[in-house]
Amino acid sequence: FSFGIGLTYPLCGFIIAHYGWRFVFYTTGSIGAFWCIFWYFFAFDTPSLHPRITQQELRYIQGSVGNQITE
């Protein structure tokens, strides 16, 4: 059981009862689209690509992680 399911089922039931079943797809689709846009602009592949990280923070992260092999 996850938080999303526990929140979405009652919310979708409310939306269906008041606005119709089609509006559930508009609502959940819009939330998903906004979530993707948020992560596109605010998430970065590596800490070194983040525009607001300080050199001290970057050294700390790189020192804590160590040498890791990524595929």
PDB file of N, CA and C in Angstrom:
ATOM      1  N   PHE A   1       0.852  -1.179   0.000  1.00  0.00           N
ATOM      2  CA  PHE A   1       0.000   0.000   0.000  1.00  0.00           C
ATOM      3  C   PHE A   1       0.885   1.226   0.000  1.00  0.00           C
ATOM      4  N   SER A   2       0.661   2.094  -0.925  1.00  0.00           N
ATOM      5  CA  SER A   2       1.472   3.303  -0.980  1.00  0.00           C
ATOM      6  C   SER A   2       0.610   4.538  -0.728  1.00  0.00           C
ATOM      7  N   PHE A   3       1.280   5.601  -0.435  1.00  0.00           N
ATOM      8  CA  PHE A   3       0.594   6.862  -0.154  1.00  0.00           C
ATOM      9  C   PHE A   3      -0.201   7.342  -1.364  1.00  0.00           C
ATOM     10  N   GLY A   4       0.371   7.193  -2.551  1.00  0.00           N
ATOM     11  CA  GLY A   4      -0.299   7.647  -3.763  1.00  0.00           C
ATOM     12  C   GLY A   4      -1.615   6.941  -4.016  1.00  0.00           C
ATOM     13  N   ILE A   5      -1.629   5.631  -3.825  1.00  0.00           N
ATOM     14  CA  ILE A   5      -2.863   4.873  -4.030  1.00  0.00           C
ATOM     15  C   ILE A   5      -3.895   5.259  -2.979  1.00  0.00           C
ATOM     16  N   GLY A   6      -3.459   5.372  -1.744  1.00  0.00           N
ATOM     17  CA  GLY A   6      -4.377   5.738  -0.667  1.00  0.00           C
ATOM     18  C   GLY A   6      -4.988   7.116  -0.854  1.00  0.00           C
ATOM     19  N   LEU A   7      -4.284   7.998  -1.509  1.00  0.00           N
ATOM     20  CA  LEU A   7      -4.798   9.339  -1.772  1.00  0.00           C
ATOM     21  C   LEU A   7      -5.603   9.393  -3.069  1.00  0.00           C
ATOM     22  N   THR A   8      -5.140   8.672  -4.077  1.00  0.00           N
ATOM     23  CA  THR A   8      -5.759   8.753  -5.398  1.00  0.00           C
ATOM     24  C   THR A   8      -7.133   8.116  -5.460  1.00  0.00           C
ATOM     25  N   TYR A   9      -7.319   6.957  -4.854  1.00  0.00           N
ATOM     26  CA  TYR A   9      -8.622   6.287  -4.936  1.00  0.00           C
ATOM     27  C   TYR A   9      -9.760   7.139  -4.379  1.00  0.00           C
ATOM     28  N   PRO A  10      -9.648   7.681  -3.174  1.00  0.00           N
ATOM     29  CA  PRO A  10     -10.746   8.534  -2.688  1.00  0.00           C
ATOM     30  C   PRO A  10     -10.911   9.813  -3.517  1.00  0.00           C
ATOM     31  N   LEU A  11      -9.788  10.386  -3.948  1.00  0.00           N
ATOM     32  CA  LEU A  11      -9.859  11.597  -4.757  1.00  0.00           C
ATOM     33  C   LEU A  11     -10.566  11.325  -6.082  1.00  0.00           C
ATOM     34  N   CYS A  12     -10.221  10.213  -6.722  1.00  0.00           N
ATOM     35  CA  CYS A  12     -10.868   9.860  -7.990  1.00  0.00           C
ATOM     36  C   CYS A  12     -12.350   9.566  -7.792  1.00  0.00           C
ATOM     37  N   GLY A  13     -12.702   8.929  -6.695  1.00  0.00           N
ATOM     38  CA  GLY A  13     -14.112   8.697  -6.404  1.00  0.00           C
ATOM     39  C   GLY A  13     -14.881   9.994  -6.259  1.00  0.00           C
ATOM     40  N   PHE A  14     -14.284  10.951  -5.574  1.00  0.00           N
ATOM     41  CA  PHE A  14     -14.910  12.268  -5.413  1.00  0.00           C
ATOM     42  C   PHE A  14     -15.072  12.960  -6.766  1.00  0.00           C
ATOM     43  N   ILE A  15     -14.014  12.918  -7.567  1.00  0.00           N
ATOM     44  CA  ILE A  15     -14.062  13.573  -8.877  1.00  0.00           C
ATOM     45  C   ILE A  15     -15.125  12.934  -9.768  1.00  0.00           C
ATOM     46  N   ILE A  16     -15.196  11.609  -9.773  1.00  0.00           N
ATOM     47  CA  ILE A  16     -16.207  10.922 -10.582  1.00  0.00           C
ATOM     48  C   ILE A  16     -17.610  11.303 -10.133  1.00  0.00           C
ATOM     49  N   ALA A  17     -17.828  11.345  -8.834  1.00  0.00           N
ATOM     50  CA  ALA A  17     -19.160  11.659  -8.310  1.00  0.00           C
ATOM     51  C   ALA A  17     -19.599  13.082  -8.643  1.00  0.00           C
ATOM     52  N   HIS A  18     -18.651  14.007  -8.699  1.00  0.00           N
ATOM     53  CA  HIS A  18     -19.019  15.407  -8.894  1.00  0.00           C
ATOM     54  C   HIS A  18     -18.812  15.928 -10.319  1.00  0.00           C
ATOM     55  N   TYR A  19     -17.852  15.353 -11.046  1.00  0.00           N
ATOM     56  CA  TYR A  19     -17.516  15.907 -12.359  1.00  0.00           C
ATOM     57  C   TYR A  19     -17.599  14.903 -13.505  1.00  0.00           C
ATOM     58  N   GLY A  20     -17.724  13.627 -13.204  1.00  0.00           N
ATOM     59  CA  GLY A  20     -17.789  12.607 -14.254  1.00  0.00           C
ATOM     60  C   GLY A  20     -16.471  11.865 -14.395  1.00  0.00           C
ATOM     61  N   TRP A  21     -16.553  10.689 -14.995  1.00  0.00           N
ATOM     62  CA  TRP A  21     -15.376   9.821 -15.053  1.00  0.00           C
ATOM     63  C   TRP A  21     -14.290  10.358 -15.971  1.00  0.00           C
ATOM     64  N   ARG A  22     -14.637  11.131 -16.974  1.00  0.00           N
ATOM     65  CA  ARG A  22     -13.622  11.653 -17.899  1.00  0.00           C
ATOM     66  C   ARG A  22     -12.667  12.620 -17.198  1.00  0.00           C
ATOM     67  N   PHE A  23     -13.197  13.359 -16.260  1.00  0.00           N
ATOM     68  CA  PHE A  23     -12.387  14.366 -15.575  1.00  0.00           C
ATOM     69  C   PHE A  23     -11.275  13.731 -14.740  1.00  0.00           C
ATOM     70  N   VAL A  24     -11.453  12.473 -14.327  1.00  0.00           N
ATOM     71  CA  VAL A  24     -10.392  11.773 -13.591  1.00  0.00           C
ATOM     72  C   VAL A  24      -9.147  11.655 -14.459  1.00  0.00           C
ATOM     73  N   PHE A  25      -9.329  11.339 -15.729  1.00  0.00           N
ATOM     74  CA  PHE A  25      -8.189  11.204 -16.624  1.00  0.00           C
ATOM     75  C   PHE A  25      -7.520  12.552 -16.877  1.00  0.00           C
ATOM     76  N   TYR A  26      -8.309  13.608 -16.998  1.00  0.00           N
ATOM     77  CA  TYR A  26      -7.730  14.942 -17.167  1.00  0.00           C
ATOM     78  C   TYR A  26      -6.925  15.344 -15.933  1.00  0.00           C
ATOM     79  N   THR A  27      -7.473  15.066 -14.768  1.00  0.00           N
ATOM     80  CA  THR A  27      -6.816  15.457 -13.520  1.00  0.00           C
ATOM     81  C   THR A  27      -5.520  14.687 -13.302  1.00  0.00           C
ATOM     82  N   THR A  28      -5.585  13.365 -13.357  1.00  0.00           N
ATOM     83  CA  THR A  28      -4.378  12.573 -13.102  1.00  0.00           C
ATOM     84  C   THR A  28      -3.341  12.771 -14.203  1.00  0.00           C
ATOM     85  N   GLY A  29      -3.788  12.944 -15.438  1.00  0.00           N
ATOM     86  CA  GLY A  29      -2.847  13.219 -16.525  1.00  0.00           C
ATOM     87  C   GLY A  29      -2.154  14.552 -16.357  1.00  0.00           C
ATOM     88  N   SER A  30      -2.900  15.559 -15.926  1.00  0.00           N
ATOM     89  CA  SER A  30      -2.312  16.880 -15.700  1.00  0.00           C
ATOM     90  C   SER A  30      -1.308  16.851 -14.558  1.00  0.00           C
ATOM     91  N   ILE A  31      -1.646  16.147 -13.499  1.00  0.00           N
ATOM     92  CA  ILE A  31      -0.715  16.029 -12.370  1.00  0.00           C
ATOM     93  C   ILE A  31       0.566  15.337 -12.820  1.00  0.00           C
ATOM     94  N   GLY A  32       0.434  14.278 -13.594  1.00  0.00           N
ATOM     95  CA  GLY A  32       1.612  13.578 -14.108  1.00  0.00           C
ATOM     96  C   GLY A  32       2.455  14.449 -15.019  1.00  0.00           C
ATOM     97  N   ALA A  33       1.814  15.230 -15.867  1.00  0.00           N
ATOM     98  CA  ALA A  33       2.554  16.118 -16.766  1.00  0.00           C
ATOM     99  C   ALA A  33       3.300  17.193 -15.984  1.00  0.00           C
ATOM    100  N   PHE A  34       2.639  17.804 -14.999  1.00  0.00           N
ATOM    101  CA  PHE A  34       3.315  18.810 -14.176  1.00  0.00           C
ATOM    102  C   PHE A  34       4.470  18.203 -13.388  1.00  0.00           C
ATOM    103  N   TRP A  35       4.300  16.974 -12.915  1.00  0.00           N
ATOM    104  CA  TRP A  35       5.362  16.281 -12.181  1.00  0.00           C
ATOM    105  C   TRP A  35       6.576  16.071 -13.078  1.00  0.00           C
ATOM    106  N   CYS A  36       6.351  15.665 -14.316  1.00  0.00           N
ATOM    107  CA  CYS A  36       7.452  15.463 -15.261  1.00  0.00           C
ATOM    108  C   CYS A  36       8.164  16.776 -15.576  1.00  0.00           C
ATOM    109  N   ILE A  37       7.392  17.831 -15.780  1.00  0.00           N
ATOM    110  CA  ILE A  37       7.988  19.140 -16.061  1.00  0.00           C
ATOM    111  C   ILE A  37       8.819  19.613 -14.873  1.00  0.00           C
ATOM    112  N   PHE A  38       8.306  19.421 -13.664  1.00  0.00           N
ATOM    113  CA  PHE A  38       9.047  19.799 -12.458  1.00  0.00           C
ATOM    114  C   PHE A  38      10.395  19.084 -12.405  1.00  0.00           C
ATOM    115  N   TRP A  39      10.395  17.769 -12.598  1.00  0.00           N
ATOM    116  CA  TRP A  39      11.632  17.008 -12.525  1.00  0.00           C
ATOM    117  C   TRP A  39      12.568  17.335 -13.677  1.00  0.00           C
ATOM    118  N   TYR A  40      12.049  17.687 -14.825  1.00  0.00           N
ATOM    119  CA  TYR A  40      12.896  18.046 -15.960  1.00  0.00           C
ATOM    120  C   TYR A  40      13.716  19.293 -15.642  1.00  0.00           C
ATOM    121  N   PHE A  41      13.109  20.265 -14.970  1.00  0.00           N
ATOM    122  CA  PHE A  41      13.802  21.516 -14.691  1.00  0.00           C
ATOM    123  C   PHE A  41      14.580  21.525 -13.375  1.00  0.00           C
ATOM    124  N   PHE A  42      14.240  20.654 -12.427  1.00  0.00           N
ATOM    125  CA  PHE A  42      14.866  20.735 -11.111  1.00  0.00           C
ATOM    126  C   PHE A  42      15.704  19.527 -10.718  1.00  0.00           C
ATOM    127  N   ALA A  43      15.783  18.511 -11.546  1.00  0.00           N
ATOM    128  CA  ALA A  43      16.612  17.344 -11.241  1.00  0.00           C
ATOM    129  C   ALA A  43      17.775  17.297 -12.229  1.00  0.00           C
ATOM    130  N   PHE A  44      18.916  16.862 -11.743  1.00  0.00           N
ATOM    131  CA  PHE A  44      20.117  16.838 -12.564  1.00  0.00           C
ATOM    132  C   PHE A  44      20.767  15.467 -12.466  1.00  0.00           C
ATOM    133  N   ASP A  45      21.471  15.071 -13.524  1.00  0.00           N
ATOM    134  CA  ASP A  45      22.072  13.745 -13.571  1.00  0.00           C
ATOM    135  C   ASP A  45      23.178  13.565 -12.535  1.00  0.00           C
ATOM    136  N   THR A  46      23.962  14.584 -12.337  1.00  0.00           N
ATOM    137  CA  THR A  46      25.041  14.519 -11.355  1.00  0.00           C
ATOM    138  C   THR A  46      25.054  15.819 -10.552  1.00  0.00           C
ATOM    139  N   PRO A  47      25.611  15.787  -9.350  1.00  0.00           N
ATOM    140  CA  PRO A  47      25.693  17.019  -8.562  1.00  0.00           C
ATOM    141  C   PRO A  47      26.513  18.107  -9.256  1.00  0.00           C
ATOM    142  N   SER A  48      27.506  17.726 -10.044  1.00  0.00           N
ATOM    143  CA  SER A  48      28.334  18.735 -10.707  1.00  0.00           C
ATOM    144  C   SER A  48      27.564  19.516 -11.769  1.00  0.00           C
ATOM    145  N   LEU A  49      26.458  18.985 -12.259  1.00  0.00           N
ATOM    146  CA  LEU A  49      25.639  19.690 -13.247  1.00  0.00           C
ATOM    147  C   LEU A  49      24.634  20.646 -12.616  1.00  0.00           C
ATOM    148  N   HIS A  50      24.452  20.567 -11.304  1.00  0.00           N
ATOM    149  CA  HIS A  50      23.474  21.426 -10.629  1.00  0.00           C
ATOM    150  C   HIS A  50      23.992  22.861 -10.616  1.00  0.00           C
ATOM    151  N   PRO A  51      23.195  23.825 -11.049  1.00  0.00           N
ATOM    152  CA  PRO A  51      23.691  25.200 -11.167  1.00  0.00           C
ATOM    153  C   PRO A  51      23.889  25.926  -9.839  1.00  0.00           C
ATOM    154  N   ARG A  52      23.260  25.474  -8.774  1.00  0.00           N
ATOM    155  CA  ARG A  52      23.345  26.210  -7.509  1.00  0.00           C
ATOM    156  C   ARG A  52      24.152  25.487  -6.432  1.00  0.00           C
ATOM    157  N   ILE A  53      24.925  24.485  -6.792  1.00  0.00           N
ATOM    158  CA  ILE A  53      25.722  23.773  -5.797  1.00  0.00           C
ATOM    159  C   ILE A  53      27.036  24.531  -5.578  1.00  0.00           C
ATOM    160  N   THR A  54      27.470  24.590  -4.343  1.00  0.00           N
ATOM    161  CA  THR A  54      28.745  25.243  -4.058  1.00  0.00           C
ATOM    162  C   THR A  54      29.870  24.227  -4.213  1.00  0.00           C
ATOM    163  N   GLN A  55      31.080  24.736  -4.357  1.00  0.00           N
ATOM    164  CA  GLN A  55      32.235  23.844  -4.489  1.00  0.00           C
ATOM    165  C   GLN A  55      32.428  23.007  -3.227  1.00  0.00           C
ATOM    166  N   GLN A  56      32.137  23.593  -2.075  1.00  0.00           N
ATOM    167  CA  GLN A  56      32.259  22.862  -0.816  1.00  0.00           C
ATOM    168  C   GLN A  56      31.275  21.691  -0.785  1.00  0.00           C
ATOM    169  N   GLU A  57      30.041  21.928  -1.182  1.00  0.00           N
ATOM    170  CA  GLU A  57      29.043  20.850  -1.218  1.00  0.00           C
ATOM    171  C   GLU A  57      29.446  19.768  -2.213  1.00  0.00           C
ATOM    172  N   LEU A  58      29.937  20.182  -3.369  1.00  0.00           N
ATOM    173  CA  LEU A  58      30.341  19.218  -4.391  1.00  0.00           C
ATOM    174  C   LEU A  58      31.496  18.351  -3.899  1.00  0.00           C
ATOM    175  N   ARG A  59      32.489  18.945  -3.253  1.00  0.00           N
ATOM    176  CA  ARG A  59      33.610  18.162  -2.709  1.00  0.00           C
ATOM    177  C   ARG A  59      33.131  17.188  -1.642  1.00  0.00           C
ATOM    178  N   TYR A  60      32.198  17.632  -0.793  1.00  0.00           N
ATOM    179  CA  TYR A  60      31.665  16.764   0.254  1.00  0.00           C
ATOM    180  C   TYR A  60      30.949  15.560  -0.350  1.00  0.00           C
ATOM    181  N   ILE A  61      30.110  15.802  -1.337  1.00  0.00           N
ATOM    182  CA  ILE A  61      29.372  14.707  -1.976  1.00  0.00           C
ATOM    183  C   ILE A  61      30.328  13.754  -2.672  1.00  0.00           C
ATOM    184  N   GLN A  62      31.261  14.288  -3.425  1.00  0.00           N
ATOM    185  CA  GLN A  62      32.199  13.432  -4.143  1.00  0.00           C
ATOM    186  C   GLN A  62      33.090  12.659  -3.181  1.00  0.00           C
ATOM    187  N   GLY A  63      33.448  13.265  -2.063  1.00  0.00           N
ATOM    188  CA  GLY A  63      34.250  12.560  -1.073  1.00  0.00           C
ATOM    189  C   GLY A  63      33.467  11.488  -0.344  1.00  0.00           C
ATOM    190  N   SER A  64      32.186  11.711  -0.136  1.00  0.00           N
ATOM    191  CA  SER A  64      31.344  10.738   0.563  1.00  0.00           C
ATOM    192  C   SER A  64      30.999   9.547  -0.309  1.00  0.00           C
ATOM    193  N   VAL A  65      30.803   9.781  -1.579  1.00  0.00           N
ATOM    194  CA  VAL A  65      30.407   8.712  -2.494  1.00  0.00           C
ATOM    195  C   VAL A  65      31.600   7.833  -2.832  1.00  0.00           C
ATOM    196  N   GLY A  66      32.744   8.429  -3.038  1.00  0.00           N
ATOM    197  CA  GLY A  66      33.918   7.652  -3.402  1.00  0.00           C
ATOM    198  C   GLY A  66      33.883   7.274  -4.872  1.00  0.00           C
ATOM    199  N   ASN A  67      34.671   6.282  -5.214  1.00  0.00           N
ATOM    200  CA  ASN A  67      34.731   5.824  -6.600  1.00  0.00           C
ATOM    201  C   ASN A  67      33.690   4.749  -6.825  1.00  0.00           C
ATOM    202  N   GLN A  68      32.695   5.072  -7.601  1.00  0.00           N
ATOM    203  CA  GLN A  68      31.656   4.105  -7.939  1.00  0.00           C
ATOM    204  C   GLN A  68      31.603   3.949  -9.446  1.00  0.00           C
ATOM    205  N   ILE A  69      31.381   2.734  -9.877  1.00  0.00           N
ATOM    206  CA  ILE A  69      31.270   2.456 -11.304  1.00  0.00           C
ATOM    207  C   ILE A  69      29.800   2.520 -11.688  1.00  0.00           C
ATOM    208  N   THR A  70      29.498   3.291 -12.715  1.00  0.00           N
ATOM    209  CA  THR A  70      28.124   3.370 -13.207  1.00  0.00           C
ATOM    210  C   THR A  70      28.078   2.836 -14.626  1.00  0.00           C
ATOM    211  N   GLU A  71      26.972   2.261 -14.958  1.00  0.00           N
ATOM    212  CA  GLU A  71      26.819   1.703 -16.306  1.00  0.00           C
ATOM    213  C   GLU A  71      26.045   2.640 -17.182  1.00  0.00           C
TER     214      GLU A  71
END
